[in-house]
Amino acid sequence: MDQQKLIVIGTPVQEGTGRPGCNMGPDAFRAAGLIQAFSELGHKVEDRGNLVRHGGEGAHHDNPVLKFLPEFVGWTEAIREAVIAARSEGIPVVIGGDHSLAAGSLTGNAAYAGQRGRPFFVLWLDAHPDFHTLETTTSGNLHGVPMAYACGLGGFDGALQKPAFPVDPKNICMMGIRSVDPAEKIALAAHGVTVCDMRMIDEEGVVPLLRRFLDKVKAAGGDLHVSLDVDFLDPTIAPGVGTTVPGGATFREAHLIMEIVSDSGLVTSLDLVELNPFLDERGRTAILMTDLAASLMGKRVMDRPTQTY
C-alpha cells in the first residue's frame, strides 16, 4: 500500500455486547503499538482520541428484549459524523469497541462514497453476519444489527432513520462466517449477500474467494471498507473476545487476506472491533490484531520479528 494519511478514531463502545470490557479496546490497541506500527510503515497517522457518544434520547422500539437502544443510537450518530469528517482527509481507522460501532462507520463511509458517485463495497471478516434488525433479534444485543441497518433494511423505525446512502447488499463479501441465526440466514439469501463461510474457505481456500471480490471492487472503481472482528479469528489464537466461536481463521489465513487486500490498493476505511482486553491473555489478541492491521497497511512477513509470550 502507498503511503496514506490514517486517521485513528477510538470508539469505546461496549453496550452492544451485553457484557463489559470492549470499552477498553481502543486503549489496548494503542498500548499494543498500533499507532507506532502505522507510522513505521511510512504513513502519516493522526490519532483523534476517543469519541464521546451523542445522547440518543427518544429512541424507542417495540421489541422488549433490546438492550441499550438509546446508547446504540447515540454512538451510531457520533461515529457516522466522525467518519465522514475523517474520510475527507484520509483513511478512517475506527478502533473499538464492539461491532455495533459499524452502524456508524458503515453509514458514514457509504455516505462519503455516495455523495461522490462512487460504489461502496464491504469486506466483512467475522464469525457472524450481524444481519438482524431491531425486530428480529432475540438476544437484544445490538452488535448483531449494524449490517442490516447499514443496508437499509426495515425494522429500525423509532430508533434510527434509514441511511441516506444504504450499502448495496450485493457489494458485501462476508468471510469466516460460522454462526448464523435462522432469521439472518433468510435475510442474507433474500438480499444477495456473498457469504464465504468456513466450509467454503476450507474447500476453496481464501485466495480465489477474495480475489473474485476484489476484482469486482476494482472493476467498479469502488471504495472498499474492511471490518475486522476479533472473532473472525480462531479463539485459540485470539481469546480476547466475548463471542468466541471455534473453527475460525488461522494466523496464516488472516495475514494472507490482509496482504492480498493491501496489494489491491483498494482500501479506503477500516474497523477493528470486539477486542475485550478483560478477556485477553497478556495482550495476545491486541498484538495480533495490531499486526494484522499493519499487514493491511503494507507490512509484509519478512518484516515481522519473532514474538514470545
C-alpha atoms as a PDB file:
ATOM      1  CA  MET A   1       0.000   0.000   0.000  1.00  0.00           C
ATOM      2  CA  ASP A   2       1.218   3.501  -0.854  1.00  0.00           C
ATOM      3  CA  GLN A   3       1.765   5.974   1.958  1.00  0.00           C
ATOM      4  CA  GLN A   4      -1.536   7.322   3.244  1.00  0.00           C
ATOM      5  CA  LYS A   5      -2.930   9.547   5.943  1.00  0.00           C
ATOM      6  CA  LEU A   6      -4.512   7.265   8.542  1.00  0.00           C
ATOM      7  CA  ILE A   7      -6.940   8.847  10.989  1.00  0.00           C
ATOM      8  CA  VAL A   8      -7.443   6.737  14.106  1.00  0.00           C
ATOM      9  CA  ILE A   9     -10.793   7.144  15.877  1.00  0.00           C
ATOM     10  CA  GLY A  10     -11.254   5.443  19.241  1.00  0.00           C
ATOM     11  CA  THR A  11     -14.806   4.245  19.912  1.00  0.00           C
ATOM     12  CA  PRO A  12     -15.132   2.870  23.467  1.00  0.00           C
ATOM     13  CA  VAL A  13     -18.439   1.143  22.785  1.00  0.00           C
ATOM     14  CA  GLN A  14     -19.462  -1.819  24.916  1.00  0.00           C
ATOM     15  CA  GLU A  15     -23.238  -1.508  25.102  1.00  0.00           C
ATOM     16  CA  GLY A  16     -23.759  -3.670  22.013  1.00  0.00           C
ATOM     17  CA  THR A  17     -22.353  -6.836  23.578  1.00  0.00           C
ATOM     18  CA  GLY A  18     -24.321  -7.119  26.788  1.00  0.00           C
ATOM     19  CA  ARG A  19     -21.084  -7.554  28.776  1.00  0.00           C
ATOM     20  CA  PRO A  20     -18.362  -5.121  29.898  1.00  0.00           C
ATOM     21  CA  GLY A  21     -14.827  -4.828  28.592  1.00  0.00           C
ATOM     22  CA  CYS A  22     -14.901  -3.685  24.954  1.00  0.00           C
ATOM     23  CA  ASN A  23     -14.811  -0.062  26.084  1.00  0.00           C
ATOM     24  CA  MET A  24     -11.145  -0.691  26.939  1.00  0.00           C
ATOM     25  CA  GLY A  25     -10.399  -1.834  23.394  1.00  0.00           C
ATOM     26  CA  PRO A  26      -9.179   1.474  21.890  1.00  0.00           C
ATOM     27  CA  ASP A  27      -6.586   1.997  24.598  1.00  0.00           C
ATOM     28  CA  ALA A  28      -5.476  -1.640  24.324  1.00  0.00           C
ATOM     29  CA  PHE A  29      -4.818  -1.147  20.614  1.00  0.00           C
ATOM     30  CA  ARG A  30      -2.735   1.907  21.410  1.00  0.00           C
ATOM     31  CA  ALA A  31      -0.831   0.009  24.106  1.00  0.00           C
ATOM     32  CA  ALA A  32      -0.192  -2.794  21.596  1.00  0.00           C
ATOM     33  CA  GLY A  33       1.579  -0.311  19.334  1.00  0.00           C
ATOM     34  CA  LEU A  34      -0.989   0.323  16.604  1.00  0.00           C
ATOM     35  CA  ILE A  35      -0.054   3.976  16.059  1.00  0.00           C
ATOM     36  CA  GLN A  36       3.660   3.175  16.024  1.00  0.00           C
ATOM     37  CA  ALA A  37       3.148   0.263  13.618  1.00  0.00           C
ATOM     38  CA  PHE A  38       1.360   2.500  11.123  1.00  0.00           C
ATOM     39  CA  SER A  39       3.988   5.232  11.459  1.00  0.00           C
ATOM     40  CA  GLU A  40       6.857   2.799  10.913  1.00  0.00           C
ATOM     41  CA  LEU A  41       5.296   1.857   7.580  1.00  0.00           C
ATOM     42  CA  GLY A  42       5.662   5.457   6.452  1.00  0.00           C
ATOM     43  CA  HIS A  43       2.050   6.517   6.857  1.00  0.00           C
ATOM     44  CA  LYS A  44       1.090   9.835   8.342  1.00  0.00           C
ATOM     45  CA  VAL A  45      -1.014   8.982  11.394  1.00  0.00           C
ATOM     46  CA  GLU A  46      -3.371  11.233  13.320  1.00  0.00           C
ATOM     47  CA  ASP A  47      -4.903   9.822  16.499  1.00  0.00           C
ATOM     48  CA  ARG A  48      -8.059  11.783  17.253  1.00  0.00           C
ATOM     49  CA  GLY A  49      -8.546  10.155  20.640  1.00  0.00           C
ATOM     50  CA  ASN A  50     -11.743   8.553  21.857  1.00  0.00           C
ATOM     51  CA  LEU A  51     -15.178   9.694  20.760  1.00  0.00           C
ATOM     52  CA  VAL A  52     -17.940  10.665  23.151  1.00  0.00           C
ATOM     53  CA  ARG A  53     -21.356   9.405  22.105  1.00  0.00           C
ATOM     54  CA  HIS A  54     -24.337  11.609  21.400  1.00  0.00           C
ATOM     55  CA  GLY A  55     -27.365  11.395  23.629  1.00  0.00           C
ATOM     56  CA  GLY A  56     -29.718   9.147  21.673  1.00  0.00           C
ATOM     57  CA  GLU A  57     -32.696  10.393  23.665  1.00  0.00           C
ATOM     58  CA  GLY A  58     -36.094   9.487  22.312  1.00  0.00           C
ATOM     59  CA  ALA A  59     -35.030   6.247  20.669  1.00  0.00           C
ATOM     60  CA  HIS A  60     -37.623   3.533  21.152  1.00  0.00           C
ATOM     61  CA  HIS A  61     -38.791   0.257  19.646  1.00  0.00           C
ATOM     62  CA  ASP A  62     -41.484  -2.269  20.491  1.00  0.00           C
ATOM     63  CA  ASN A  63     -39.119  -5.251  20.816  1.00  0.00           C
ATOM     64  CA  PRO A  64     -38.863  -5.674  24.611  1.00  0.00           C
ATOM     65  CA  VAL A  65     -35.542  -7.562  24.584  1.00  0.00           C
ATOM     66  CA  LEU A  66     -33.490  -4.681  23.155  1.00  0.00           C
ATOM     67  CA  LYS A  67     -30.607  -3.551  25.363  1.00  0.00           C
ATOM     68  CA  PHE A  68     -29.108  -0.046  25.478  1.00  0.00           C
ATOM     69  CA  LEU A  69     -31.033   1.243  22.463  1.00  0.00           C
ATOM     70  CA  PRO A  70     -30.519   4.985  23.204  1.00  0.00           C
ATOM     71  CA  GLU A  71     -26.798   4.361  23.684  1.00  0.00           C
ATOM     72  CA  PHE A  72     -26.624   2.472  20.382  1.00  0.00           C
ATOM     73  CA  VAL A  73     -28.342   5.331  18.580  1.00  0.00           C
ATOM     74  CA  GLY A  74     -26.076   7.921  20.212  1.00  0.00           C
ATOM     75  CA  TRP A  75     -22.910   6.045  19.263  1.00  0.00           C
ATOM     76  CA  THR A  76     -24.125   5.484  15.705  1.00  0.00           C
ATOM     77  CA  GLU A  77     -24.703   9.199  15.170  1.00  0.00           C
ATOM     78  CA  ALA A  78     -21.373  10.225  16.719  1.00  0.00           C
ATOM     79  CA  ILE A  79     -19.354   7.658  14.782  1.00  0.00           C
ATOM     80  CA  ARG A  80     -21.050   8.462  11.474  1.00  0.00           C
ATOM     81  CA  GLU A  81     -20.198  12.158  11.829  1.00  0.00           C
ATOM     82  CA  ALA A  82     -16.600  11.466  12.853  1.00  0.00           C
ATOM     83  CA  VAL A  83     -16.039   9.038   9.990  1.00  0.00           C
ATOM     84  CA  ILE A  84     -17.412  11.388   7.335  1.00  0.00           C
ATOM     85  CA  ALA A  85     -15.129  14.156   8.616  1.00  0.00           C
ATOM     86  CA  ALA A  86     -12.101  11.850   8.690  1.00  0.00           C
ATOM     87  CA  ARG A  87     -12.793  10.312   5.285  1.00  0.00           C
ATOM     88  CA  SER A  88     -12.492  13.732   3.664  1.00  0.00           C
ATOM     89  CA  GLU A  89      -8.868  13.822   4.869  1.00  0.00           C
ATOM     90  CA  GLY A  90      -7.673  10.239   4.666  1.00  0.00           C
ATOM     91  CA  ILE A  91      -8.420   6.664   5.692  1.00  0.00           C
ATOM     92  CA  PRO A  92     -10.536   6.383   8.868  1.00  0.00           C
ATOM     93  CA  VAL A  93      -9.362   3.579  11.166  1.00  0.00           C
ATOM     94  CA  VAL A  94     -12.094   3.044  13.731  1.00  0.00           C
ATOM     95  CA  ILE A  95     -10.812   1.114  16.739  1.00  0.00           C
ATOM     96  CA  GLY A  96     -13.378  -0.370  19.090  1.00  0.00           C
ATOM     97  CA  GLY A  97     -15.326  -1.186  20.831  1.00  0.00           C
ATOM     98  CA  ASP A  98     -17.929  -3.801  19.878  1.00  0.00           C
ATOM     99  CA  HIS A  99     -19.259  -4.348  16.354  1.00  0.00           C
ATOM    100  CA  SER A 100     -22.338  -2.178  16.910  1.00  0.00           C
ATOM    101  CA  LEU A 101     -19.973   0.684  16.036  1.00  0.00           C
ATOM    102  CA  ALA A 102     -20.181  -0.448  12.399  1.00  0.00           C
ATOM    103  CA  ALA A 103     -23.677   1.022  12.166  1.00  0.00           C
ATOM    104  CA  GLY A 104     -21.928   4.385  12.253  1.00  0.00           C
ATOM    105  CA  SER A 105     -18.736   3.554  10.361  1.00  0.00           C
ATOM    106  CA  LEU A 106     -20.525   1.789   7.506  1.00  0.00           C
ATOM    107  CA  THR A 107     -23.112   4.514   7.013  1.00  0.00           C
ATOM    108  CA  GLY A 108     -20.524   7.264   7.318  1.00  0.00           C
ATOM    109  CA  ASN A 109     -18.171   5.764   4.766  1.00  0.00           C
ATOM    110  CA  ALA A 110     -21.058   4.818   2.458  1.00  0.00           C
ATOM    111  CA  ALA A 111     -22.362   8.389   2.613  1.00  0.00           C
ATOM    112  CA  TYR A 112     -18.953   9.800   1.697  1.00  0.00           C
ATOM    113  CA  ALA A 113     -18.726   7.437  -1.286  1.00  0.00           C
ATOM    114  CA  GLY A 114     -22.319   8.003  -2.344  1.00  0.00           C
ATOM    115  CA  GLN A 115     -22.037  11.772  -2.300  1.00  0.00           C
ATOM    116  CA  ARG A 116     -19.180  11.430  -4.787  1.00  0.00           C
ATOM    117  CA  GLY A 117     -20.905   8.910  -7.012  1.00  0.00           C
ATOM    118  CA  ARG A 118     -18.568   6.067  -6.080  1.00  0.00           C
ATOM    119  CA  PRO A 119     -19.756   2.492  -5.447  1.00  0.00           C
ATOM    120  CA  PHE A 120     -19.169   1.302  -1.891  1.00  0.00           C
ATOM    121  CA  PHE A 121     -18.040  -2.230  -1.026  1.00  0.00           C
ATOM    122  CA  VAL A 122     -17.550  -4.044   2.282  1.00  0.00           C
ATOM    123  CA  LEU A 123     -15.256  -6.923   3.219  1.00  0.00           C
ATOM    124  CA  TRP A 124     -16.784  -8.225   6.455  1.00  0.00           C
ATOM    125  CA  LEU A 125     -14.417 -10.517   8.380  1.00  0.00           C
ATOM    126  CA  ASP A 126     -16.480 -12.002  11.191  1.00  0.00           C
ATOM    127  CA  ALA A 127     -17.910 -15.211  12.624  1.00  0.00           C
ATOM    128  CA  HIS A 128     -21.347 -13.569  12.491  1.00  0.00           C
ATOM    129  CA  PRO A 129     -23.170 -11.655   9.748  1.00  0.00           C
ATOM    130  CA  ASP A 130     -24.736  -9.143  12.188  1.00  0.00           C
ATOM    131  CA  PHE A 131     -27.745  -9.061   9.881  1.00  0.00           C
ATOM    132  CA  HIS A 132     -30.525  -8.859  12.450  1.00  0.00           C
ATOM    133  CA  THR A 133     -32.915  -5.923  12.614  1.00  0.00           C
ATOM    134  CA  LEU A 134     -34.345  -4.495  15.828  1.00  0.00           C
ATOM    135  CA  GLU A 135     -37.398  -6.652  15.114  1.00  0.00           C
ATOM    136  CA  THR A 136     -35.658  -9.981  14.516  1.00  0.00           C
ATOM    137  CA  THR A 137     -33.035 -10.006  17.262  1.00  0.00           C
ATOM    138  CA  THR A 138     -33.911 -12.369  20.086  1.00  0.00           C
ATOM    139  CA  SER A 139     -30.901 -11.613  22.283  1.00  0.00           C
ATOM    140  CA  GLY A 140     -31.335  -7.831  22.207  1.00  0.00           C
ATOM    141  CA  ASN A 141     -27.552  -7.410  21.862  1.00  0.00           C
ATOM    142  CA  LEU A 142     -27.156  -4.671  19.297  1.00  0.00           C
ATOM    143  CA  HIS A 143     -23.740  -5.689  17.980  1.00  0.00           C
ATOM    144  CA  GLY A 144     -25.868  -8.109  15.937  1.00  0.00           C
ATOM    145  CA  VAL A 145     -27.672  -5.433  13.876  1.00  0.00           C
ATOM    146  CA  PRO A 146     -25.204  -2.983  12.251  1.00  0.00           C
ATOM    147  CA  MET A 147     -25.003  -4.583   8.819  1.00  0.00           C
ATOM    148  CA  ALA A 148     -28.774  -4.859   8.455  1.00  0.00           C
ATOM    149  CA  TYR A 149     -29.127  -1.207   9.434  1.00  0.00           C
ATOM    150  CA  ALA A 150     -26.406  -0.058   7.031  1.00  0.00           C
ATOM    151  CA  CYS A 151     -28.117  -1.936   4.188  1.00  0.00           C
ATOM    152  CA  GLY A 152     -31.332  -0.022   4.811  1.00  0.00           C
ATOM    153  CA  LEU A 153     -33.429  -2.965   5.958  1.00  0.00           C
ATOM    154  CA  GLY A 154     -36.670  -2.175   7.737  1.00  0.00           C
ATOM    155  CA  GLY A 155     -37.243  -2.719  11.416  1.00  0.00           C
ATOM    156  CA  PHE A 156     -35.413   0.337  12.762  1.00  0.00           C
ATOM    157  CA  ASP A 157     -38.328   2.783  12.842  1.00  0.00           C
ATOM    158  CA  GLY A 158     -38.462   4.801  16.034  1.00  0.00           C
ATOM    159  CA  ALA A 159     -34.738   4.440  16.627  1.00  0.00           C
ATOM    160  CA  LEU A 160     -32.754   5.402  13.533  1.00  0.00           C
ATOM    161  CA  GLN A 161     -33.593   6.970  10.216  1.00  0.00           C
ATOM    162  CA  LYS A 162     -32.886   4.912   7.123  1.00  0.00           C
ATOM    163  CA  PRO A 163     -29.382   5.687   5.815  1.00  0.00           C
ATOM    164  CA  ALA A 164     -29.287   8.265   3.031  1.00  0.00           C
ATOM    165  CA  PHE A 165     -26.858   6.020   1.140  1.00  0.00           C
ATOM    166  CA  PRO A 166     -27.608   2.421   2.138  1.00  0.00           C
ATOM    167  CA  VAL A 167     -24.987  -0.227   1.417  1.00  0.00           C
ATOM    168  CA  ASP A 168     -25.920  -2.433  -1.536  1.00  0.00           C
ATOM    169  CA  PRO A 169     -26.035  -5.999  -0.115  1.00  0.00           C
ATOM    170  CA  LYS A 170     -24.652  -7.297  -3.408  1.00  0.00           C
ATOM    171  CA  ASN A 171     -21.485  -5.277  -2.734  1.00  0.00           C
ATOM    172  CA  ILE A 172     -20.761  -7.143   0.508  1.00  0.00           C
ATOM    173  CA  CYS A 173     -18.449 -10.128   0.933  1.00  0.00           C
ATOM    174  CA  MET A 174     -18.597 -11.849   4.307  1.00  0.00           C
ATOM    175  CA  MET A 175     -15.726 -14.214   5.105  1.00  0.00           C
ATOM    176  CA  GLY A 176     -15.275 -16.527   8.071  1.00  0.00           C
ATOM    177  CA  ILE A 177     -18.987 -16.838   8.832  1.00  0.00           C
ATOM    178  CA  ARG A 178     -19.836 -19.788  11.081  1.00  0.00           C
ATOM    179  CA  SER A 179     -22.624 -18.651  13.414  1.00  0.00           C
ATOM    180  CA  VAL A 180     -25.868 -17.543  11.729  1.00  0.00           C
ATOM    181  CA  ASP A 181     -29.350 -17.286  13.244  1.00  0.00           C
ATOM    182  CA  PRO A 182     -32.355 -18.521  11.212  1.00  0.00           C
ATOM    183  CA  ALA A 183     -33.733 -15.010  10.568  1.00  0.00           C
ATOM    184  CA  GLU A 184     -30.329 -13.848   9.374  1.00  0.00           C
ATOM    185  CA  LYS A 185     -29.959 -16.820   7.046  1.00  0.00           C
ATOM    186  CA  ILE A 186     -33.229 -15.957   5.338  1.00  0.00           C
ATOM    187  CA  ALA A 187     -32.374 -12.260   5.052  1.00  0.00           C
ATOM    188  CA  LEU A 188     -28.871 -12.872   3.691  1.00  0.00           C
ATOM    189  CA  ALA A 189     -30.218 -15.101   0.930  1.00  0.00           C
ATOM    190  CA  ALA A 190     -33.053 -12.721   0.111  1.00  0.00           C
ATOM    191  CA  HIS A 191     -30.739  -9.732  -0.300  1.00  0.00           C
ATOM    192  CA  GLY A 192     -27.943 -11.432  -2.222  1.00  0.00           C
ATOM    193  CA  VAL A 193     -25.065 -11.001   0.217  1.00  0.00           C
ATOM    194  CA  THR A 194     -21.965 -13.016  -0.717  1.00  0.00           C
ATOM    195  CA  VAL A 195     -21.255 -15.271   2.253  1.00  0.00           C
ATOM    196  CA  CYS A 196     -17.998 -17.244   2.322  1.00  0.00           C
ATOM    197  CA  ASP A 197     -18.410 -19.441   5.364  1.00  0.00           C
ATOM    198  CA  MET A 198     -15.626 -21.530   6.850  1.00  0.00           C
ATOM    199  CA  ARG A 199     -16.639 -24.569   4.803  1.00  0.00           C
ATOM    200  CA  MET A 200     -16.122 -22.598   1.590  1.00  0.00           C
ATOM    201  CA  ILE A 201     -12.749 -21.407   2.873  1.00  0.00           C
ATOM    202  CA  ASP A 202     -11.787 -24.986   3.734  1.00  0.00           C
ATOM    203  CA  GLU A 203     -12.870 -26.274   0.323  1.00  0.00           C
ATOM    204  CA  GLU A 204     -11.616 -23.468  -1.948  1.00  0.00           C
ATOM    205  CA  GLY A 205      -9.085 -21.505   0.109  1.00  0.00           C
ATOM    206  CA  VAL A 206      -9.193 -17.779   0.803  1.00  0.00           C
ATOM    207  CA  VAL A 207      -7.303 -16.677  -2.306  1.00  0.00           C
ATOM    208  CA  PRO A 208      -9.851 -17.380  -5.096  1.00  0.00           C
ATOM    209  CA  LEU A 209     -12.764 -16.249  -2.927  1.00  0.00           C
ATOM    210  CA  LEU A 210     -11.073 -12.987  -2.028  1.00  0.00           C
ATOM    211  CA  ARG A 211      -9.721 -12.223  -5.486  1.00  0.00           C
ATOM    212  CA  ARG A 212     -13.146 -12.633  -7.096  1.00  0.00           C
ATOM    213  CA  PHE A 213     -14.482  -9.983  -4.747  1.00  0.00           C
ATOM    214  CA  LEU A 214     -11.529  -7.625  -5.136  1.00  0.00           C
ATOM    215  CA  ASP A 215     -11.765  -7.891  -8.920  1.00  0.00           C
ATOM    216  CA  LYS A 216     -15.393  -6.786  -8.635  1.00  0.00           C
ATOM    217  CA  VAL A 217     -14.437  -3.779  -6.496  1.00  0.00           C
ATOM    218  CA  LYS A 218     -11.656  -2.785  -8.898  1.00  0.00           C
ATOM    219  CA  ALA A 219     -13.840  -3.130 -11.994  1.00  0.00           C
ATOM    220  CA  ALA A 220     -16.458  -0.850 -10.421  1.00  0.00           C
ATOM    221  CA  GLY A 221     -13.916   1.740  -9.283  1.00  0.00           C
ATOM    222  CA  GLY A 222     -15.328   1.437  -5.778  1.00  0.00           C
ATOM    223  CA  ASP A 223     -14.330   2.367  -2.246  1.00  0.00           C
ATOM    224  CA  LEU A 224     -13.556  -0.635  -0.033  1.00  0.00           C
ATOM    225  CA  HIS A 225     -14.308  -0.787   3.678  1.00  0.00           C
ATOM    226  CA  VAL A 226     -12.749  -3.599   5.730  1.00  0.00           C
ATOM    227  CA  SER A 227     -14.386  -4.541   9.026  1.00  0.00           C
ATOM    228  CA  LEU A 228     -12.279  -6.976  11.068  1.00  0.00           C
ATOM    229  CA  ASP A 229     -13.866  -8.620  14.110  1.00  0.00           C
ATOM    230  CA  VAL A 230     -11.679 -10.480  16.607  1.00  0.00           C
ATOM    231  CA  ASP A 231     -13.994 -13.490  16.399  1.00  0.00           C
ATOM    232  CA  PHE A 232     -13.152 -13.900  12.706  1.00  0.00           C
ATOM    233  CA  LEU A 233     -10.013 -15.493  14.136  1.00  0.00           C
ATOM    234  CA  ASP A 234      -9.892 -18.863  15.825  1.00  0.00           C
ATOM    235  CA  PRO A 235     -10.173 -18.374  19.605  1.00  0.00           C
ATOM    236  CA  THR A 236      -7.018 -20.435  20.171  1.00  0.00           C
ATOM    237  CA  ILE A 237      -5.008 -17.529  18.732  1.00  0.00           C
ATOM    238  CA  ALA A 238      -7.350 -14.657  19.683  1.00  0.00           C
ATOM    239  CA  PRO A 239      -9.026 -15.291  23.046  1.00  0.00           C
ATOM    240  CA  GLY A 240      -9.777 -11.644  23.869  1.00  0.00           C
ATOM    241  CA  VAL A 241     -13.370 -11.557  22.651  1.00  0.00           C
ATOM    242  CA  GLY A 242     -16.728 -12.215  24.272  1.00  0.00           C
ATOM    243  CA  THR A 243     -18.203 -14.175  21.354  1.00  0.00           C
ATOM    244  CA  THR A 244     -15.720 -16.984  20.725  1.00  0.00           C
ATOM    245  CA  VAL A 245     -16.750 -19.429  18.002  1.00  0.00           C
ATOM    246  CA  PRO A 246     -14.477 -22.434  17.324  1.00  0.00           C
ATOM    247  CA  GLY A 247     -13.123 -23.040  13.854  1.00  0.00           C
ATOM    248  CA  GLY A 248     -12.097 -19.526  12.872  1.00  0.00           C
ATOM    249  CA  ALA A 249      -9.374 -18.240  10.595  1.00  0.00           C
ATOM    250  CA  THR A 250      -5.795 -19.257  11.318  1.00  0.00           C
ATOM    251  CA  PHE A 251      -2.880 -16.883  11.747  1.00  0.00           C
ATOM    252  CA  ARG A 252      -1.697 -17.721   8.228  1.00  0.00           C
ATOM    253  CA  GLU A 253      -5.116 -17.288   6.607  1.00  0.00           C
ATOM    254  CA  ALA A 254      -5.705 -13.954   8.327  1.00  0.00           C
ATOM    255  CA  HIS A 255      -2.349 -12.483   7.314  1.00  0.00           C
ATOM    256  CA  LEU A 256      -2.751 -13.755   3.764  1.00  0.00           C
ATOM    257  CA  ILE A 257      -6.109 -11.986   3.495  1.00  0.00           C
ATOM    258  CA  MET A 258      -4.642  -8.757   4.850  1.00  0.00           C
ATOM    259  CA  GLU A 259      -1.697  -8.852   2.460  1.00  0.00           C
ATOM    260  CA  ILE A 260      -3.792  -9.626  -0.626  1.00  0.00           C
ATOM    261  CA  VAL A 261      -6.217  -6.813   0.207  1.00  0.00           C
ATOM    262  CA  SER A 262      -3.276  -4.494   0.828  1.00  0.00           C
ATOM    263  CA  ASP A 263      -1.759  -5.406  -2.546  1.00  0.00           C
ATOM    264  CA  SER A 264      -5.013  -4.393  -4.236  1.00  0.00           C
ATOM    265  CA  GLY A 265      -4.627  -0.767  -3.118  1.00  0.00           C
ATOM    266  CA  LEU A 266      -8.406  -0.514  -2.768  1.00  0.00           C
ATOM    267  CA  VAL A 267      -8.867   0.025   0.980  1.00  0.00           C
ATOM    268  CA  THR A 268     -10.423   3.355   1.934  1.00  0.00           C
ATOM    269  CA  SER A 269     -11.531   2.640   5.543  1.00  0.00           C
ATOM    270  CA  LEU A 270     -11.073   0.091   8.337  1.00  0.00           C
ATOM    271  CA  ASP A 271     -12.773  -1.119  11.516  1.00  0.00           C
ATOM    272  CA  LEU A 272     -11.003  -3.129  14.242  1.00  0.00           C
ATOM    273  CA  VAL A 273     -13.675  -4.417  16.596  1.00  0.00           C
ATOM    274  CA  GLU A 274     -14.727  -6.635  19.505  1.00  0.00           C
ATOM    275  CA  LEU A 275     -11.384  -6.601  21.322  1.00  0.00           C
ATOM    276  CA  ASN A 276     -12.133  -7.177  25.002  1.00  0.00           C
ATOM    277  CA  PRO A 277      -8.883  -6.725  26.962  1.00  0.00           C
ATOM    278  CA  PHE A 278     -10.579  -8.054  30.108  1.00  0.00           C
ATOM    279  CA  LEU A 279     -10.733 -11.464  28.411  1.00  0.00           C
ATOM    280  CA  ASP A 280      -7.323 -11.332  26.724  1.00  0.00           C
ATOM    281  CA  GLU A 281      -4.121 -13.127  27.724  1.00  0.00           C
ATOM    282  CA  ARG A 282      -1.251 -10.688  28.342  1.00  0.00           C
ATOM    283  CA  GLY A 283      -2.291  -8.572  25.359  1.00  0.00           C
ATOM    284  CA  ARG A 284      -2.043 -11.501  22.956  1.00  0.00           C
ATOM    285  CA  THR A 285      -5.169 -10.650  20.953  1.00  0.00           C
ATOM    286  CA  ALA A 286      -4.453  -6.918  20.859  1.00  0.00           C
ATOM    287  CA  ILE A 287      -0.964  -7.588  19.494  1.00  0.00           C
ATOM    288  CA  LEU A 288      -2.267  -9.988  16.834  1.00  0.00           C
ATOM    289  CA  MET A 289      -4.995  -7.585  15.697  1.00  0.00           C
ATOM    290  CA  THR A 290      -2.430  -4.787  15.543  1.00  0.00           C
ATOM    291  CA  ASP A 291      -0.144  -6.988  13.462  1.00  0.00           C
ATOM    292  CA  LEU A 292      -2.994  -7.799  11.085  1.00  0.00           C
ATOM    293  CA  ALA A 293      -3.859  -4.119  10.712  1.00  0.00           C
ATOM    294  CA  ALA A 294      -0.200  -3.438   9.913  1.00  0.00           C
ATOM    295  CA  SER A 295      -0.294  -6.151   7.234  1.00  0.00           C
ATOM    296  CA  LEU A 296      -3.330  -4.474   5.707  1.00  0.00           C
ATOM    297  CA  MET A 297      -1.424  -1.197   5.631  1.00  0.00           C
ATOM    298  CA  GLY A 298       1.660  -2.623   3.967  1.00  0.00           C
ATOM    299  CA  LYS A 299       3.713  -4.711   6.386  1.00  0.00           C
ATOM    300  CA  ARG A 300       4.993  -7.998   4.987  1.00  0.00           C
ATOM    301  CA  VAL A 301       6.049 -11.255   6.590  1.00  0.00           C
ATOM    302  CA  MET A 302       9.755 -10.579   6.015  1.00  0.00           C
ATOM    303  CA  ASP A 303       9.399  -7.520   8.269  1.00  0.00           C
ATOM    304  CA  ARG A 304       7.829  -9.452  11.142  1.00  0.00           C
ATOM    305  CA  PRO A 305      10.117 -10.359  14.079  1.00  0.00           C
ATOM    306  CA  THR A 306       9.648 -13.461  16.169  1.00  0.00           C
ATOM    307  CA  GLN A 307       7.422 -12.789  19.196  1.00  0.00           C
ATOM    308  CA  THR A 308       7.435 -14.520  22.547  1.00  0.00           C
ATOM    309  CA  TYR A 309       4.682 -14.629  25.160  1.00  0.00           C
END
